[in-house]
């Protein structure tokens, strides 16, 4: 389990290390390295998802490791409360950014519209915190849409057993 300590409260996540070994190991390594500390949830779209893990409060991108192989074909679905790797239009482009699904988003699954977005974990505790984040006021800032007007900060990630 990994606890994501945010400015809105804690979110405890369970990683699917057997079904998404590359994505889960990638997320765990970023967490262990302290990479996520001080990053923000920079994209919040109610009734869809919240995304973070790669930008600081001023919306500067952090330097990441190389992209990983997309595991969207692992059979896991983008349902409410799952974590998935964010990526560009290129299938194998995910680095550190992730999102938490606020509802069932089947169109993000493998083969739904393209290769899909790899699910690698789920919220075990703290969906109320996720929903609170989903309710913050957003706007346009630094060339980005759907940005919380008051930063939602990932203060630290704690690795549990």
Protein backbone atom coordinates (compact mmCIF):
# COMPACT_ATOMS: atom_id res chain seq x y z
CA UNK A 1 0.00 0.00 0.00
CA UNK A 2 1.09 3.54 -0.70
CA UNK A 3 -0.38 6.54 1.10
CA UNK A 4 -0.64 9.69 -0.98
CA UNK A 5 -0.62 12.55 1.52
CA UNK A 6 -2.37 15.51 -0.13
CA UNK A 7 -3.39 18.99 0.96
CA UNK A 8 -6.96 17.60 1.05
CA UNK A 9 -6.23 14.43 3.06
CA UNK A 10 -4.79 10.97 2.57
CA UNK A 11 -5.48 8.53 -0.25
CA UNK A 12 -4.31 4.95 0.29
CA UNK A 13 -3.69 2.99 -2.90
CA UNK A 14 -3.11 -0.67 -3.60
CA UNK A 15 -0.93 -1.50 -6.59
CA UNK A 16 -1.77 -4.38 -8.95
CA UNK A 17 1.78 -5.69 -9.06
CA UNK A 18 0.83 -9.04 -10.61
CA UNK A 19 -1.43 -7.70 -13.39
CA UNK A 20 0.52 -4.49 -14.15
CA UNK A 21 4.08 -5.21 -13.00
CA UNK A 22 5.83 -2.55 -15.11
CA UNK A 23 3.39 0.26 -14.30
CA UNK A 24 3.18 -0.65 -10.60
CA UNK A 25 6.98 -0.85 -10.27
CA UNK A 26 7.33 2.45 -12.12
CA UNK A 27 4.87 4.21 -9.77
CA UNK A 28 6.47 2.64 -6.68
CA UNK A 29 9.95 3.74 -7.77
CA UNK A 30 8.84 7.33 -8.32
CA UNK A 31 7.19 7.22 -4.87
CA UNK A 32 10.27 5.73 -3.19
CA UNK A 33 12.49 8.35 -4.84
CA UNK A 34 10.34 11.17 -3.42
CA UNK A 35 9.62 12.34 -6.97
CA UNK A 36 5.92 13.01 -6.28
CA UNK A 37 6.56 15.12 -3.17
CA UNK A 38 5.50 18.69 -3.90
CA UNK A 39 3.77 17.86 -7.19
CA UNK A 40 0.12 18.73 -7.75
CA UNK A 41 -3.07 17.32 -9.16
CA UNK A 42 -2.91 19.64 -12.16
CA UNK A 43 -5.94 18.40 -14.09
CA UNK A 44 -9.30 17.93 -12.40
CA UNK A 45 -12.38 17.10 -14.46
CA UNK A 46 -15.50 16.29 -12.39
CA UNK A 47 -17.26 13.04 -13.29
CA UNK A 48 -14.15 11.91 -15.21
CA UNK A 49 -10.78 11.90 -13.44
CA UNK A 50 -8.10 13.74 -11.44
CA UNK A 51 -4.54 13.72 -12.82
CA UNK A 52 -1.21 14.45 -11.18
CA UNK A 53 2.30 13.26 -10.63
CA UNK A 54 4.41 15.36 -12.95
CA UNK A 55 4.05 19.08 -12.33
CA UNK A 56 4.95 21.48 -9.55
CA UNK A 57 2.64 24.20 -8.19
CA UNK A 58 3.77 26.64 -10.88
CA UNK A 59 2.89 23.97 -13.48
CA UNK A 60 6.50 23.30 -14.42
CA UNK A 61 7.06 19.76 -15.65
CA UNK A 62 9.46 17.67 -13.61
CA UNK A 63 12.17 15.74 -15.41
CA UNK A 64 11.26 12.03 -15.56
CA UNK A 65 12.81 8.69 -16.32
CA UNK A 66 12.28 7.08 -19.73
CA UNK A 67 8.72 6.11 -20.79
CA UNK A 68 7.44 2.64 -19.99
CA UNK A 69 5.64 -0.04 -22.01
CA UNK A 70 1.86 0.40 -21.98
CA UNK A 71 0.15 -2.46 -20.10
CA UNK A 72 -3.42 -1.51 -21.05
CA UNK A 73 -3.96 -5.00 -22.51
CA UNK A 74 -3.71 -6.52 -19.01
CA UNK A 75 -7.49 -6.97 -18.75
CA UNK A 76 -7.95 -4.39 -15.97
CA UNK A 77 -10.67 -1.80 -16.55
CA UNK A 78 -10.76 1.96 -15.96
CA UNK A 79 -13.51 1.86 -13.34
CA UNK A 80 -14.24 4.27 -10.50
CA UNK A 81 -11.39 4.39 -8.01
CA UNK A 82 -8.72 2.82 -10.22
CA UNK A 83 -5.36 4.42 -10.96
CA UNK A 84 -4.07 4.46 -14.52
CA UNK A 85 -1.00 5.79 -16.27
CA UNK A 86 -1.42 9.07 -18.13
CA UNK A 87 0.26 9.25 -21.51
CA UNK A 88 0.41 11.20 -24.75
CA UNK A 89 -1.15 10.06 -28.02
CA UNK A 90 1.74 7.59 -28.32
CA UNK A 91 0.81 4.32 -26.57
CA UNK A 92 4.18 3.70 -24.88
CA UNK A 93 4.74 7.23 -23.54
CA UNK A 94 3.76 7.05 -19.85
CA UNK A 95 6.33 8.29 -17.34
CA UNK A 96 5.29 9.62 -13.92
CA UNK A 97 1.82 11.08 -14.44
CA UNK A 98 -1.20 9.08 -13.32
CA UNK A 99 -4.90 9.62 -12.91
CA UNK A 100 -7.65 8.37 -10.64
CA UNK A 101 -10.93 7.51 -12.35
CA UNK A 102 -13.95 9.26 -10.80
CA UNK A 103 -16.39 7.00 -12.68
CA UNK A 104 -16.31 3.99 -14.95
CA UNK A 105 -14.45 5.18 -18.06
CA UNK A 106 -14.68 2.19 -20.38
CA UNK A 107 -13.67 4.28 -23.39
CA UNK A 108 -10.16 4.45 -21.84
CA UNK A 109 -9.80 0.65 -21.77
CA UNK A 110 -7.65 -1.29 -24.21
CA UNK A 111 -9.27 -1.32 -27.64
CA UNK A 112 -12.00 1.12 -26.64
CA UNK A 113 -10.76 3.88 -28.95
CA UNK A 114 -7.03 3.17 -29.17
CA UNK A 115 -4.49 1.10 -27.26
CA UNK A 116 -5.90 2.35 -23.96
CA UNK A 117 -4.65 3.56 -20.59
CA UNK A 118 -3.00 1.03 -18.28
CA UNK A 119 -4.74 0.49 -14.95
CA UNK A 120 -2.19 -0.38 -12.25
CA UNK A 121 -3.89 0.16 -8.90
CA UNK A 122 -6.96 1.22 -6.98
CA UNK A 123 -7.94 3.48 -4.11
CA UNK A 124 -8.23 1.29 -1.01
CA UNK A 125 -9.09 4.17 1.35
CA UNK A 126 -9.78 7.84 0.80
CA UNK A 127 -12.24 7.95 -2.10
CA UNK A 128 -13.91 10.75 -0.14
CA UNK A 129 -10.64 12.72 -0.50
CA UNK A 130 -10.55 11.96 -4.23
CA UNK A 131 -14.15 13.18 -4.54
CA UNK A 132 -13.29 16.34 -2.56
CA UNK A 133 -10.43 17.05 -4.96
CA UNK A 134 -12.83 16.48 -7.87
CA UNK A 135 -15.02 19.24 -6.46
CA UNK A 136 -12.43 22.03 -6.36
CA UNK A 137 -12.84 25.10 -8.53
CA UNK A 138 -10.80 24.92 -11.71
CA UNK A 139 -9.84 27.24 -14.53
CA UNK A 140 -7.22 28.05 -17.16
CA UNK A 141 -3.66 28.67 -15.98
CA UNK A 142 -0.22 28.61 -17.59
CA UNK A 143 -1.62 27.24 -20.84
CA UNK A 144 -3.54 24.41 -19.17
CA UNK A 145 -7.28 23.89 -18.71
CA UNK A 146 -9.04 22.22 -15.76
CA UNK A 147 -6.33 23.38 -13.31
CA UNK A 148 -7.37 23.79 -9.66
CA UNK A 149 -7.39 27.50 -8.81
CA UNK A 150 -5.98 26.62 -5.39
CA UNK A 151 -3.23 24.03 -5.72
CA UNK A 152 -4.01 20.46 -4.65
CA UNK A 153 -0.56 19.37 -3.51
CA UNK A 154 0.81 15.85 -3.17
CA UNK A 155 2.85 16.55 -0.06
CA UNK A 156 4.42 13.12 0.29
CA UNK A 157 3.97 9.46 -0.54
CA UNK A 158 4.53 6.86 2.17
CA UNK A 159 5.30 3.27 1.24
CA UNK A 160 3.56 0.66 3.41
CA UNK A 161 3.53 -3.10 3.38
